[in-house]
PDB file of N, CA and C in Angstrom:
ATOM      1  N   MET A   1     123.401 111.998  77.217  1.00  0.00           N
ATOM      2  CA  MET A   1     124.003 112.762  76.143  1.00  0.00           C
ATOM      3  C   MET A   1     123.604 114.234  76.228  1.00  0.00           C
ATOM      4  N   ALA A   2     122.375 114.517  76.606  1.00  0.00           N
ATOM      5  CA  ALA A   2     121.916 115.899  76.706  1.00  0.00           C
ATOM      6  C   ALA A   2     122.751 116.671  77.723  1.00  0.00           C
ATOM      7  N   ARG A   3     123.153 115.998  78.774  1.00  0.00           N
ATOM      8  CA  ARG A   3     123.978 116.651  79.799  1.00  0.00           C
ATOM      9  C   ARG A   3     125.325 117.071  79.210  1.00  0.00           C
ATOM     10  N   ARG A   4     125.922 116.200  78.405  1.00  0.00           N
ATOM     11  CA  ARG A   4     127.209 116.508  77.771  1.00  0.00           C
ATOM     12  C   ARG A   4     127.052 117.681  76.800  1.00  0.00           C
ATOM     13  N   VAL A   5     125.949 117.705  76.068  1.00  0.00           N
ATOM     14  CA  VAL A   5     125.696 118.801  75.127  1.00  0.00           C
ATOM     15  C   VAL A   5     125.538 120.112  75.885  1.00  0.00           C
ATOM     16  N   ARG A   6     124.799 120.092  76.985  1.00  0.00           N
ATOM     17  CA  ARG A   6     124.632 121.310  77.795  1.00  0.00           C
ATOM     18  C   ARG A   6     125.971 121.781  78.338  1.00  0.00           C
ATOM     19  N   LEU A   7     126.777 120.844  78.811  1.00  0.00           N
ATOM     20  CA  LEU A   7     128.100 121.195  79.323  1.00  0.00           C
ATOM     21  C   LEU A   7     128.964 121.787  78.213  1.00  0.00           C
ATOM     22  N   GLY A   8     128.912 121.197  77.038  1.00  0.00           N
ATOM     23  CA  GLY A   8     129.663 121.728  75.895  1.00  0.00           C
ATOM     24  C   GLY A   8     129.238 123.139  75.551  1.00  0.00           C
ATOM     25  N   HIS A   9     127.925 123.377  75.530  1.00  0.00           N
ATOM     26  CA  HIS A   9     127.415 124.727  75.255  1.00  0.00           C
ATOM     27  C   HIS A   9     127.844 125.709  76.340  1.00  0.00           C
ATOM     28  N   LEU A  10     127.788 125.277  77.587  1.00  0.00           N
ATOM     29  CA  LEU A  10     128.185 126.137  78.698  1.00  0.00           C
ATOM     30  C   LEU A  10     129.655 126.533  78.591  1.00  0.00           C
ATOM     31  N   LEU A  11     130.521 125.557  78.321  1.00  0.00           N
ATOM     32  CA  LEU A  11     131.951 125.846  78.221  1.00  0.00           C
ATOM     33  C   LEU A  11     132.255 126.744  77.028  1.00  0.00           C
ATOM     34  N   ALA A  12     131.613 126.484  75.891  1.00  0.00           N
ATOM     35  CA  ALA A  12     131.817 127.336  74.716  1.00  0.00           C
ATOM     36  C   ALA A  12     131.332 128.758  74.990  1.00  0.00           C
ATOM     37  N   ALA A  13     130.184 128.892  75.647  1.00  0.00           N
ATOM     38  CA  ALA A  13     129.665 130.219  75.991  1.00  0.00           C
ATOM     39  C   ALA A  13     130.600 130.938  76.953  1.00  0.00           C
ATOM     40  N   ALA A  14     131.166 130.210  77.910  1.00  0.00           N
ATOM     41  CA  ALA A  14     132.112 130.826  78.845  1.00  0.00           C
ATOM     42  C   ALA A  14     133.336 131.349  78.103  1.00  0.00           C
ATOM     43  N   GLY A  15     133.828 130.576  77.142  1.00  0.00           N
ATOM     44  CA  GLY A  15     134.962 131.029  76.341  1.00  0.00           C
ATOM     45  C   GLY A  15     134.626 132.268  75.535  1.00  0.00           C
ATOM     46  N   LEU A  16     133.457 132.290  74.920  1.00  0.00           N
ATOM     47  CA  LEU A  16     133.035 133.464  74.148  1.00  0.00           C
ATOM     48  C   LEU A  16     132.790 134.669  75.049  1.00  0.00           C
ATOM     49  N   ALA A  17     132.274 134.424  76.252  1.00  0.00           N
ATOM     50  CA  ALA A  17     132.029 135.524  77.192  1.00  0.00           C
ATOM     51  C   ALA A  17     133.330 136.184  77.636  1.00  0.00           C
ATOM     52  N   LEU A  18     134.431 135.463  77.573  1.00  0.00           N
ATOM     53  CA  LEU A  18     135.723 136.047  77.940  1.00  0.00           C
ATOM     54  C   LEU A  18     136.223 137.058  76.913  1.00  0.00           C
ATOM     55  N   LEU A  19     135.765 136.979  75.681  1.00  0.00           N
ATOM     56  CA  LEU A  19     136.279 137.861  74.630  1.00  0.00           C
ATOM     57  C   LEU A  19     136.083 139.346  74.943  1.00  0.00           C
ATOM     58  N   PRO A  20     134.887 139.801  75.357  1.00  0.00           N
ATOM     59  CA  PRO A  20     134.763 141.218  75.722  1.00  0.00           C
ATOM     60  C   PRO A  20     135.641 141.586  76.926  1.00  0.00           C
ATOM     61  N   TRP A  21     135.779 140.672  77.869  1.00  0.00           N
ATOM     62  CA  TRP A  21     136.633 140.916  79.039  1.00  0.00           C
ATOM     63  C   TRP A  21     138.087 141.102  78.607  1.00  0.00           C
ATOM     64  N   ILE A  22     138.542 140.268  77.683  1.00  0.00           N
ATOM     65  CA  ILE A  22     139.906 140.385  77.171  1.00  0.00           C
ATOM     66  C   ILE A  22     140.090 141.731  76.478  1.00  0.00           C
ATOM     67  N   ALA A  23     139.106 142.141  75.685  1.00  0.00           N
ATOM     68  CA  ALA A  23     139.182 143.442  75.006  1.00  0.00           C
ATOM     69  C   ALA A  23     139.238 144.576  76.027  1.00  0.00           C
ATOM     70  N   LEU A  24     138.443 144.485  77.079  1.00  0.00           N
ATOM     71  CA  LEU A  24     138.457 145.505  78.130  1.00  0.00           C
ATOM     72  C   LEU A  24     139.813 145.548  78.820  1.00  0.00           C
ATOM     73  N   LEU A  25     140.363 144.394  79.149  1.00  0.00           N
ATOM     74  CA  LEU A  25     141.690 144.356  79.768  1.00  0.00           C
ATOM     75  C   LEU A  25     142.745 144.962  78.850  1.00  0.00           C
ATOM     76  N   ALA A  26     142.668 144.636  77.573  1.00  0.00           N
ATOM     77  CA  ALA A  26     143.642 145.170  76.617  1.00  0.00           C
ATOM     78  C   ALA A  26     143.564 146.689  76.550  1.00  0.00           C
ATOM     79  N   ALA A  27     142.369 147.228  76.690  1.00  0.00           N
ATOM     80  CA  ALA A  27     142.187 148.678  76.592  1.00  0.00           C
ATOM     81  C   ALA A  27     142.516 149.411  77.887  1.00  0.00           C
ATOM     82  N   ARG A  28     142.274 148.799  79.024  1.00  0.00           N
ATOM     83  CA  ARG A  28     142.354 149.531  80.291  1.00  0.00           C
ATOM     84  C   ARG A  28     143.419 149.081  81.273  1.00  0.00           C
ATOM     85  N   MET A  29     143.965 147.907  81.105  1.00  0.00           N
ATOM     86  CA  MET A  29     144.901 147.394  82.097  1.00  0.00           C
ATOM     87  C   MET A  29     146.236 148.130  81.996  1.00  0.00           C
ATOM     88  N   PRO A  30     146.789 148.532  83.143  1.00  0.00           N
ATOM     89  CA  PRO A  30     148.096 149.199  83.093  1.00  0.00           C
ATOM     90  C   PRO A  30     149.180 148.218  82.649  1.00  0.00           C
ATOM     91  N   SER A  31     150.230 148.757  82.029  1.00  0.00           N
ATOM     92  CA  SER A  31     151.301 147.878  81.549  1.00  0.00           C
ATOM     93  C   SER A  31     152.195 147.402  82.681  1.00  0.00           C
ATOM     94  N   ALA A  32     152.136 148.056  83.818  1.00  0.00           N
ATOM     95  CA  ALA A  32     152.932 147.657  84.982  1.00  0.00           C
ATOM     96  C   ALA A  32     152.075 147.815  86.233  1.00  0.00           C
ATOM     97  N   ALA A  33     152.365 146.991  87.221  1.00  0.00           N
ATOM     98  CA  ALA A  33     151.615 147.054  88.473  1.00  0.00           C
ATOM     99  C   ALA A  33     152.480 146.536  89.609  1.00  0.00           C
ATOM    100  N   HIS A  34     152.242 147.072  90.790  1.00  0.00           N
ATOM    101  CA  HIS A  34     152.883 146.547  91.992  1.00  0.00           C
ATOM    102  C   HIS A  34     151.957 145.474  92.547  1.00  0.00           C
ATOM    103  N   VAL A  35     152.495 144.296  92.784  1.00  0.00           N
ATOM    104  CA  VAL A  35     151.657 143.195  93.260  1.00  0.00           C
ATOM    105  C   VAL A  35     152.175 142.674  94.592  1.00  0.00           C
ATOM    106  N   THR A  36     151.265 142.136  95.374  1.00  0.00           N
ATOM    107  CA  THR A  36     151.647 141.469  96.615  1.00  0.00           C
ATOM    108  C   THR A  36     151.642 139.968  96.358  1.00  0.00           C
ATOM    109  N   ASN A  37     152.302 139.240  97.191  1.00  0.00           N
ATOM    110  CA  ASN A  37     152.374 137.775  97.088  1.00  0.00           C
ATOM    111  C   ASN A  37     153.013 137.298  95.783  1.00  0.00           C
ATOM    112  N   TRP A  38     153.870 138.120  95.192  1.00  0.00           N
ATOM    113  CA  TRP A  38     154.532 137.766  93.937  1.00  0.00           C
ATOM    114  C   TRP A  38     155.313 136.464  94.082  1.00  0.00           C
ATOM    115  N   SER A  39     156.108 136.368  95.137  1.00  0.00           N
ATOM    116  CA  SER A  39     156.917 135.157  95.316  1.00  0.00           C
ATOM    117  C   SER A  39     156.034 133.938  95.558  1.00  0.00           C
ATOM    118  N   ALA A  40     154.946 134.105  96.304  1.00  0.00           N
ATOM    119  CA  ALA A  40     154.041 132.977  96.554  1.00  0.00           C
ATOM    120  C   ALA A  40     153.399 132.495  95.253  1.00  0.00           C
ATOM    121  N   ALA A  41     153.071 133.422  94.369  1.00  0.00           N
ATOM    122  CA  ALA A  41     152.476 133.043  93.086  1.00  0.00           C
ATOM    123  C   ALA A  41     153.457 132.209  92.267  1.00  0.00           C
ATOM    124  N   TRP A  42     154.707 132.654  92.191  1.00  0.00           N
ATOM    125  CA  TRP A  42     155.704 131.919  91.410  1.00  0.00           C
ATOM    126  C   TRP A  42     156.069 130.591  92.066  1.00  0.00           C
ATOM    127  N   ILE A  43     156.223 130.594  93.378  1.00  0.00           N
ATOM    128  CA  ILE A  43     156.547 129.346  94.082  1.00  0.00           C
ATOM    129  C   ILE A  43     155.410 128.343  93.913  1.00  0.00           C
ATOM    130  N   GLY A  44     154.179 128.817  94.028  1.00  0.00           N
ATOM    131  CA  GLY A  44     153.024 127.938  93.847  1.00  0.00           C
ATOM    132  C   GLY A  44     152.959 127.351  92.449  1.00  0.00           C
ATOM    133  N   LEU A  45     153.174 128.187  91.438  1.00  0.00           N
ATOM    134  CA  LEU A  45     153.155 127.698  90.060  1.00  0.00           C
ATOM    135  C   LEU A  45     154.260 126.671  89.839  1.00  0.00           C
ATOM    136  N   ASP A  46     155.465 126.983  90.298  1.00  0.00           N
ATOM    137  CA  ASP A  46     156.575 126.049  90.111  1.00  0.00           C
ATOM    138  C   ASP A  46     156.376 124.760  90.904  1.00  0.00           C
ATOM    139  N   ALA A  47     155.750 124.841  92.083  1.00  0.00           N
ATOM    140  CA  ALA A  47     155.467 123.632  92.867  1.00  0.00           C
ATOM    141  C   ALA A  47     154.443 122.751  92.144  1.00  0.00           C
ATOM    142  N   MET A  48     153.394 123.381  91.582  1.00  0.00           N
ATOM    143  CA  MET A  48     152.411 122.606  90.814  1.00  0.00           C
ATOM    144  C   MET A  48     153.061 121.976  89.589  1.00  0.00           C
ATOM    145  N   LEU A  49     153.932 122.737  88.930  1.00  0.00           N
ATOM    146  CA  LEU A  49     154.624 122.222  87.754  1.00  0.00           C
ATOM    147  C   LEU A  49     155.527 121.046  88.123  1.00  0.00           C
ATOM    148  N   ALA A  50     156.254 121.169  89.225  1.00  0.00           N
ATOM    149  CA  ALA A  50     157.124 120.074  89.672  1.00  0.00           C
ATOM    150  C   ALA A  50     156.305 118.825  89.983  1.00  0.00           C
ATOM    151  N   ALA A  51     155.185 118.994  90.687  1.00  0.00           N
ATOM    152  CA  ALA A  51     154.331 117.849  91.021  1.00  0.00           C
ATOM    153  C   ALA A  51     153.794 117.183  89.757  1.00  0.00           C
ATOM    154  N   CYS A  52     153.374 117.986  88.796  1.00  0.00           N
ATOM    155  CA  CYS A  52     152.854 117.421  87.545  1.00  0.00           C
ATOM    156  C   CYS A  52     153.943 116.714  86.753  1.00  0.00           C
ATOM    157  N   LEU A  53     155.147 117.298  86.710  1.00  0.00           N
ATOM    158  CA  LEU A  53     156.251 116.647  85.998  1.00  0.00           C
ATOM    159  C   LEU A  53     156.595 115.302  86.634  1.00  0.00           C
ATOM    160  N   VAL A  54     156.659 115.263  87.965  1.00  0.00           N
ATOM    161  CA  VAL A  54     156.968 114.010  88.660  1.00  0.00           C
ATOM    162  C   VAL A  54     155.865 112.980  88.415  1.00  0.00           C
ATOM    163  N   ALA A  55     154.606 113.397  88.540  1.00  0.00           N
ATOM    164  CA  ALA A  55     153.491 112.470  88.321  1.00  0.00           C
ATOM    165  C   ALA A  55     153.484 111.952  86.887  1.00  0.00           C
ATOM    166  N   THR A  56     153.686 112.842  85.936  1.00  0.00           N
ATOM    167  CA  THR A  56     153.699 112.435  84.529  1.00  0.00           C
ATOM    168  C   THR A  56     154.850 111.471  84.258  1.00  0.00           C
ATOM    169  N   GLY A  57     156.017 111.788  84.788  1.00  0.00           N
ATOM    170  CA  GLY A  57     157.169 110.900  84.611  1.00  0.00           C
ATOM    171  C   GLY A  57     156.941 109.535  85.228  1.00  0.00           C
ATOM    172  N   ALA A  58     156.413 109.514  86.448  1.00  0.00           N
ATOM    173  CA  ALA A  58     156.172 108.238  87.129  1.00  0.00           C
ATOM    174  C   ALA A  58     155.147 107.396  86.372  1.00  0.00           C
ATOM    175  N   LEU A  59     154.074 108.024  85.913  1.00  0.00           N
ATOM    176  CA  LEU A  59     153.051 107.280  85.173  1.00  0.00           C
ATOM    177  C   LEU A  59     153.578 106.808  83.819  1.00  0.00           C
ATOM    178  N   ALA A  60     154.413 107.621  83.177  1.00  0.00           N
ATOM    179  CA  ALA A  60     154.999 107.210  81.894  1.00  0.00           C
ATOM    180  C   ALA A  60     155.924 106.011  82.084  1.00  0.00           C
ATOM    181  N   LEU A  61     156.724 106.038  83.146  1.00  0.00           N
ATOM    182  CA  LEU A  61     157.633 104.919  83.412  1.00  0.00           C
ATOM    183  C   LEU A  61     156.879 103.613  83.631  1.00  0.00           C
ATOM    184  N   ARG A  62     155.709 103.706  84.260  1.00  0.00           N
ATOM    185  CA  ARG A  62     154.908 102.510  84.539  1.00  0.00           C
ATOM    186  C   ARG A  62     153.961 102.150  83.402  1.00  0.00           C
ATOM    187  N   ARG A  63     153.975 102.963  82.348  1.00  0.00           N
ATOM    188  CA  ARG A  63     153.031 102.782  81.237  1.00  0.00           C
ATOM    189  C   ARG A  63     151.598 102.731  81.756  1.00  0.00           C
ATOM    190  N   ASP A  64     151.332 103.605  82.694  1.00  0.00           N
ATOM    191  CA  ASP A  64     150.027 103.658  83.345  1.00  0.00           C
ATOM    192  C   ASP A  64     149.014 104.323  82.412  1.00  0.00           C
ATOM    193  N   PRO A  65     147.848 103.717  82.241  1.00  0.00           N
ATOM    194  CA  PRO A  65     146.846 104.301  81.346  1.00  0.00           C
ATOM    195  C   PRO A  65     146.282 105.633  81.846  1.00  0.00           C
ATOM    196  N   ARG A  66     146.550 105.986  83.090  1.00  0.00           N
ATOM    197  CA  ARG A  66     146.070 107.267  83.626  1.00  0.00           C
ATOM    198  C   ARG A  66     146.991 108.427  83.262  1.00  0.00           C
ATOM    199  N   LEU A  67     147.941 108.218  82.388  1.00  0.00           N
ATOM    200  CA  LEU A  67     148.938 109.212  82.006  1.00  0.00           C
ATOM    201  C   LEU A  67     148.337 110.440  81.318  1.00  0.00           C
ATOM    202  N   ALA A  68     147.253 110.277  80.586  1.00  0.00           N
ATOM    203  CA  ALA A  68     146.739 111.344  79.722  1.00  0.00           C
ATOM    204  C   ALA A  68     146.460 112.651  80.463  1.00  0.00           C
ATOM    205  N   LEU A  69     145.744 112.597  81.554  1.00  0.00           N
ATOM    206  CA  LEU A  69     145.359 113.842  82.228  1.00  0.00           C
ATOM    207  C   LEU A  69     146.538 114.563  82.878  1.00  0.00           C
ATOM    208  N   PRO A  70     147.406 113.880  83.635  1.00  0.00           N
ATOM    209  CA  PRO A  70     148.568 114.598  84.171  1.00  0.00           C
ATOM    210  C   PRO A  70     149.483 115.138  83.072  1.00  0.00           C
ATOM    211  N   ALA A  71     149.640 114.407  81.985  1.00  0.00           N
ATOM    212  CA  ALA A  71     150.484 114.884  80.886  1.00  0.00           C
ATOM    213  C   ALA A  71     149.883 116.134  80.253  1.00  0.00           C
ATOM    214  N   ALA A  72     148.572 116.160  80.081  1.00  0.00           N
ATOM    215  CA  ALA A  72     147.911 117.345  79.522  1.00  0.00           C
ATOM    216  C   ALA A  72     148.041 118.535  80.470  1.00  0.00           C
ATOM    217  N   ALA A  73     147.858 118.298  81.762  1.00  0.00           N
ATOM    218  CA  ALA A  73     148.004 119.374  82.748  1.00  0.00           C
ATOM    219  C   ALA A  73     149.436 119.894  82.771  1.00  0.00           C
ATOM    220  N   THR A  74     150.405 118.994  82.688  1.00  0.00           N
ATOM    221  CA  THR A  74     151.812 119.395  82.682  1.00  0.00           C
ATOM    222  C   THR A  74     152.113 120.239  81.457  1.00  0.00           C
ATOM    223  N   SER A  75     151.599 119.842  80.310  1.00  0.00           N
ATOM    224  CA  SER A  75     151.797 120.608  79.084  1.00  0.00           C
ATOM    225  C   SER A  75     151.241 122.022  79.238  1.00  0.00           C
ATOM    226  N   ALA A  76     150.040 122.129  79.767  1.00  0.00           N
ATOM    227  CA  ALA A  76     149.420 123.446  79.948  1.00  0.00           C
ATOM    228  C   ALA A  76     150.214 124.304  80.931  1.00  0.00           C
ATOM    229  N   LEU A  77     150.656 123.717  82.030  1.00  0.00           N
ATOM    230  CA  LEU A  77     151.439 124.478  83.009  1.00  0.00           C
ATOM    231  C   LEU A  77     152.779 124.924  82.435  1.00  0.00           C
ATOM    232  N   LEU A  78     153.419 124.084  81.637  1.00  0.00           N
ATOM    233  CA  LEU A  78     154.683 124.467  81.007  1.00  0.00           C
ATOM    234  C   LEU A  78     154.483 125.636  80.046  1.00  0.00           C
ATOM    235  N   LEU A  79     153.409 125.608  79.269  1.00  0.00           N
ATOM    236  CA  LEU A  79     153.117 126.725  78.366  1.00  0.00           C
ATOM    237  C   LEU A  79     152.872 128.010  79.150  1.00  0.00           C
ATOM    238  N   MET A  80     152.094 127.900  80.215  1.00  0.00           N
ATOM    239  CA  MET A  80     151.803 129.066  81.045  1.00  0.00           C
ATOM    240  C   MET A  80     153.072 129.598  81.700  1.00  0.00           C
ATOM    241  N   ASP A  81     153.911 128.706  82.199  1.00  0.00           N
ATOM    242  CA  ASP A  81     155.150 129.115  82.850  1.00  0.00           C
ATOM    243  C   ASP A  81     156.067 129.822  81.856  1.00  0.00           C
ATOM    244  N   ALA A  82     156.200 129.278  80.660  1.00  0.00           N
ATOM    245  CA  ALA A  82     157.042 129.913  79.640  1.00  0.00           C
ATOM    246  C   ALA A  82     156.512 131.298  79.289  1.00  0.00           C
ATOM    247  N   TRP A  83     155.208 131.404  79.119  1.00  0.00           N
ATOM    248  CA  TRP A  83     154.570 132.681  78.775  1.00  0.00           C
ATOM    249  C   TRP A  83     154.869 133.736  79.835  1.00  0.00           C
ATOM    250  N   PHE A  84     154.603 133.405  81.086  1.00  0.00           N
ATOM    251  CA  PHE A  84     154.794 134.390  82.145  1.00  0.00           C
ATOM    252  C   PHE A  84     156.264 134.636  82.447  1.00  0.00           C
ATOM    253  N   ASP A  85     157.113 133.622  82.314  1.00  0.00           N
ATOM    254  CA  ASP A  85     158.551 133.837  82.509  1.00  0.00           C
ATOM    255  C   ASP A  85     159.071 134.889  81.535  1.00  0.00           C
ATOM    256  N   VAL A  86     158.721 134.738  80.270  1.00  0.00           N
ATOM    257  CA  VAL A  86     159.223 135.665  79.249  1.00  0.00           C
ATOM    258  C   VAL A  86     158.598 137.050  79.414  1.00  0.00           C
ATOM    259  N   LEU A  87     157.289 137.110  79.629  1.00  0.00           N
ATOM    260  CA  LEU A  87     156.618 138.411  79.687  1.00  0.00           C
ATOM    261  C   LEU A  87     156.897 139.194  80.963  1.00  0.00           C
ATOM    262  N   THR A  88     157.260 138.517  82.038  1.00  0.00           N
ATOM    263  CA  THR A  88     157.518 139.244  83.287  1.00  0.00           C
ATOM    264  C   THR A  88     159.001 139.439  83.557  1.00  0.00           C
ATOM    265  N   ALA A  89     159.864 138.901  82.708  1.00  0.00           N
ATOM    266  CA  ALA A  89     161.307 139.066  82.912  1.00  0.00           C
ATOM    267  C   ALA A  89     161.718 140.499  82.583  1.00  0.00           C
ATOM    268  N   ALA A  90     162.683 140.999  83.332  1.00  0.00           N
ATOM    269  CA  ALA A  90     163.215 142.336  83.070  1.00  0.00           C
ATOM    270  C   ALA A  90     163.919 142.334  81.716  1.00  0.00           C
ATOM    271  N   PRO A  91     163.839 143.449  80.989  1.00  0.00           N
ATOM    272  CA  PRO A  91     164.540 143.524  79.700  1.00  0.00           C
ATOM    273  C   PRO A  91     166.038 143.274  79.876  1.00  0.00           C
ATOM    274  N   GLY A  92     166.639 142.728  78.842  1.00  0.00           N
ATOM    275  CA  GLY A  92     168.075 142.467  78.892  1.00  0.00           C
ATOM    276  C   GLY A  92     168.368 141.008  79.160  1.00  0.00           C
ATOM    277  N   GLY A  93     169.334 140.780  80.048  1.00  0.00           N
ATOM    278  CA  GLY A  93     169.793 139.427  80.334  1.00  0.00           C
ATOM    279  C   GLY A  93     168.719 138.521  80.887  1.00  0.00           C
ATOM    280  N   ASP A  94     167.891 139.041  81.798  1.00  0.00           N
ATOM    281  CA  ASP A  94     166.823 138.211  82.378  1.00  0.00           C
ATOM    282  C   ASP A  94     165.858 137.723  81.302  1.00  0.00           C
ATOM    283  N   ARG A  95     165.470 138.626  80.410  1.00  0.00           N
ATOM    284  CA  ARG A  95     164.533 138.229  79.358  1.00  0.00           C
ATOM    285  C   ARG A  95     165.195 137.263  78.380  1.00  0.00           C
ATOM    286  N   ALA A  96     166.474 137.460  78.106  1.00  0.00           N
ATOM    287  CA  ALA A  96     167.191 136.549  77.206  1.00  0.00           C
ATOM    288  C   ALA A  96     167.235 135.143  77.795  1.00  0.00           C
ATOM    289  N   VAL A  97     167.546 135.042  79.080  1.00  0.00           N
ATOM    290  CA  VAL A  97     167.583 133.732  79.743  1.00  0.00           C
ATOM    291  C   VAL A  97     166.196 133.095  79.727  1.00  0.00           C
ATOM    292  N   ALA A  98     165.162 133.877  80.044  1.00  0.00           N
ATOM    293  CA  ALA A  98     163.792 133.351  80.045  1.00  0.00           C
ATOM    294  C   ALA A  98     163.397 132.859  78.656  1.00  0.00           C
ATOM    295  N   THR A  99     163.792 133.584  77.631  1.00  0.00           N
ATOM    296  CA  THR A  99     163.456 133.202  76.259  1.00  0.00           C
ATOM    297  C   THR A  99     164.179 131.922  75.850  1.00  0.00           C
ATOM    298  N   VAL A 100     165.452 131.825  76.199  1.00  0.00           N
ATOM    299  CA  VAL A 100     166.222 130.612  75.879  1.00  0.00           C
ATOM    300  C   VAL A 100     165.634 129.403  76.607  1.00  0.00           C
ATOM    301  N   LEU A 101     165.297 129.574  77.888  1.00  0.00           N
ATOM    302  CA  LEU A 101     164.705 128.463  78.643  1.00  0.00           C
ATOM    303  C   LEU A 101     163.336 128.079  78.086  1.00  0.00           C
ATOM    304  N   ALA A 102     162.547 129.085  77.701  1.00  0.00           N
ATOM    305  CA  ALA A 102     161.237 128.788  77.123  1.00  0.00           C
ATOM    306  C   ALA A 102     161.391 128.003  75.824  1.00  0.00           C
ATOM    307  N   ALA A 103     162.248 128.499  74.938  1.00  0.00           N
ATOM    308  CA  ALA A 103     162.409 127.866  73.625  1.00  0.00           C
ATOM    309  C   ALA A 103     163.138 126.527  73.702  1.00  0.00           C
ATOM    310  N   GLY A 104     164.096 126.421  74.618  1.00  0.00           N
ATOM    311  CA  GLY A 104     164.926 125.223  74.661  1.00  0.00           C
ATOM    312  C   GLY A 104     164.484 124.149  75.625  1.00  0.00           C
ATOM    313  N   VAL A 105     163.668 124.522  76.622  1.00  0.00           N
ATOM    314  CA  VAL A 105     163.279 123.547  77.644  1.00  0.00           C
ATOM    315  C   VAL A 105     161.760 123.463  77.783  1.00  0.00           C
ATOM    316  N   GLU A 106     161.128 124.574  78.155  1.00  0.00           N
ATOM    317  CA  GLU A 106     159.700 124.529  78.506  1.00  0.00           C
ATOM    318  C   GLU A 106     158.801 124.183  77.322  1.00  0.00           C
ATOM    319  N   LEU A 107     158.997 124.826  76.184  1.00  0.00           N
ATOM    320  CA  LEU A 107     158.131 124.542  75.037  1.00  0.00           C
ATOM    321  C   LEU A 107     158.344 123.134  74.473  1.00  0.00           C
ATOM    322  N   PRO A 108     159.591 122.656  74.340  1.00  0.00           N
ATOM    323  CA  PRO A 108     159.753 121.259  73.904  1.00  0.00           C
ATOM    324  C   PRO A 108     159.149 120.251  74.894  1.00  0.00           C
ATOM    325  N   LEU A 109     159.314 120.505  76.200  1.00  0.00           N
ATOM    326  CA  LEU A 109     158.697 119.608  77.187  1.00  0.00           C
ATOM    327  C   LEU A 109     157.174 119.665  77.105  1.00  0.00           C
ATOM    328  N   ALA A 110     156.628 120.857  76.877  1.00  0.00           N
ATOM    329  CA  ALA A 110     155.175 120.994  76.731  1.00  0.00           C
ATOM    330  C   ALA A 110     154.689 120.189  75.532  1.00  0.00           C
ATOM    331  N   ALA A 111     155.422 120.263  74.430  1.00  0.00           N
ATOM    332  CA  ALA A 111     155.049 119.494  73.236  1.00  0.00           C
ATOM    333  C   ALA A 111     155.128 117.995  73.509  1.00  0.00           C
ATOM    334  N   LEU A 112     156.186 117.566  74.182  1.00  0.00           N
ATOM    335  CA  LEU A 112     156.331 116.151  74.526  1.00  0.00           C
ATOM    336  C   LEU A 112     155.171 115.684  75.401  1.00  0.00           C
ATOM    337  N   CYS A 113     154.828 116.469  76.407  1.00  0.00           N
ATOM    338  CA  CYS A 113     153.715 116.098  77.294  1.00  0.00           C
ATOM    339  C   CYS A 113     152.392 116.074  76.537  1.00  0.00           C
ATOM    340  N   ALA A 114     152.206 116.999  75.595  1.00  0.00           N
ATOM    341  CA  ALA A 114     150.980 117.001  74.793  1.00  0.00           C
ATOM    342  C   ALA A 114     150.890 115.734  73.947  1.00  0.00           C
ATOM    343  N   VAL A 115     152.007 115.322  73.367  1.00  0.00           N
ATOM    344  CA  VAL A 115     152.027 114.085  72.574  1.00  0.00           C
ATOM    345  C   VAL A 115     151.739 112.883  73.472  1.00  0.00           C
ATOM    346  N   LEU A 116     152.374 112.848  74.655  1.00  0.00           N
ATOM    347  CA  LEU A 116     152.106 111.752  75.598  1.00  0.00           C
ATOM    348  C   LEU A 116     150.628 111.705  75.966  1.00  0.00           C
ATOM    349  N   ALA A 117     150.048 112.865  76.235  1.00  0.00           N
ATOM    350  CA  ALA A 117     148.632 112.923  76.606  1.00  0.00           C
ATOM    351  C   ALA A 117     147.760 112.419  75.464  1.00  0.00           C
ATOM    352  N   PHE A 118     148.049 112.876  74.260  1.00  0.00           N
ATOM    353  CA  PHE A 118     147.257 112.470  73.099  1.00  0.00           C
ATOM    354  C   PHE A 118     147.336 110.965  72.877  1.00  0.00           C
ATOM    355  N   ARG A 119     148.541 110.428  72.957  1.00  0.00           N
ATOM    356  CA  ARG A 119     148.718 108.988  72.721  1.00  0.00           C
ATOM    357  C   ARG A 119     148.115 108.137  73.833  1.00  0.00           C
ATOM    358  N   ALA A 120     148.111 108.657  75.058  1.00  0.00           N
ATOM    359  CA  ALA A 120     147.608 107.879  76.193  1.00  0.00           C
ATOM    360  C   ALA A 120     146.099 107.981  76.348  1.00  0.00           C
ATOM    361  N   PHE A 121     145.492 108.999  75.736  1.00  0.00           N
ATOM    362  CA  PHE A 121     144.056 109.185  75.913  1.00  0.00           C
ATOM    363  C   PHE A 121     143.312 108.023  75.280  1.00  0.00           C
ATOM    364  N   PRO A 122     142.337 107.458  76.005  1.00  0.00           N
ATOM    365  CA  PRO A 122     141.605 106.299  75.475  1.00  0.00           C
ATOM    366  C   PRO A 122     140.904 106.636  74.157  1.00  0.00           C
ATOM    367  N   LYS A 123     141.022 105.738  73.200  1.00  0.00           N
ATOM    368  CA  LYS A 123     140.373 105.910  71.900  1.00  0.00           C
ATOM    369  C   LYS A 123     138.961 105.338  71.967  1.00  0.00           C
ATOM    370  N   PRO A 124     138.026 105.965  71.250  1.00  0.00           N
ATOM    371  CA  PRO A 124     136.682 105.385  71.170  1.00  0.00           C
ATOM    372  C   PRO A 124     136.749 103.982  70.570  1.00  0.00           C
ATOM    373  N   ALA A 125     135.807 103.142  70.933  1.00  0.00           N
ATOM    374  CA  ALA A 125     135.825 101.730  70.534  1.00  0.00           C
ATOM    375  C   ALA A 125     135.973 101.543  69.031  1.00  0.00           C
ATOM    376  N   GLY A 126     135.361 102.375  68.217  1.00  0.00           N
ATOM    377  CA  GLY A 126     135.426 102.233  66.768  1.00  0.00           C
ATOM    378  C   GLY A 126     136.760 102.628  66.172  1.00  0.00           C
ATOM    379  N   GLU A 127     137.615 103.318  66.934  1.00  0.00           N
ATOM    380  CA  GLU A 127     138.889 103.811  66.404  1.00  0.00           C
ATOM    381  C   GLU A 127     140.090 103.027  66.905  1.00  0.00           C
ATOM    382  N   ARG A 128     139.884 102.008  67.701  1.00  0.00           N
ATOM    383  CA  ARG A 128     141.006 101.232  68.248  1.00  0.00           C
ATOM    384  C   ARG A 128     141.621 100.362  67.167  1.00  0.00           C
ATOM    385  N   ASP A 129     142.922 100.134  67.296  1.00  0.00           N
ATOM    386  CA  ASP A 129     143.639  99.288  66.324  1.00  0.00           C
ATOM    387  C   ASP A 129     143.258  97.839  66.473  1.00  0.00           C
TER     388      ASP A 129
END
């Protein structure tokens, strides 16, 4: 149990340590930047998302008890994809399409995957039906 408590403290401290970094980025980061490997970043994200969607779907179809973790990962990737799609889209038509896809596809799928993950996650012995 002490190991779990130490891990919990470590993770919470890491999250709190990010707060000054976020403030620094907000103050100093340029609003635009030229980046290399842009296409590789997007292709990689979409490939991971596709793999997670397929794995989550396959496990859901089989009612596999291992569904919780892939469903949670898929939910997180969908949220991240929607966020970056909307924020990096060019103003106008591109941003409108990204917003519609985020609101109509990615966010509802993320919510569905989160519900699947929550329902599939093993309950402690005292909370089982």
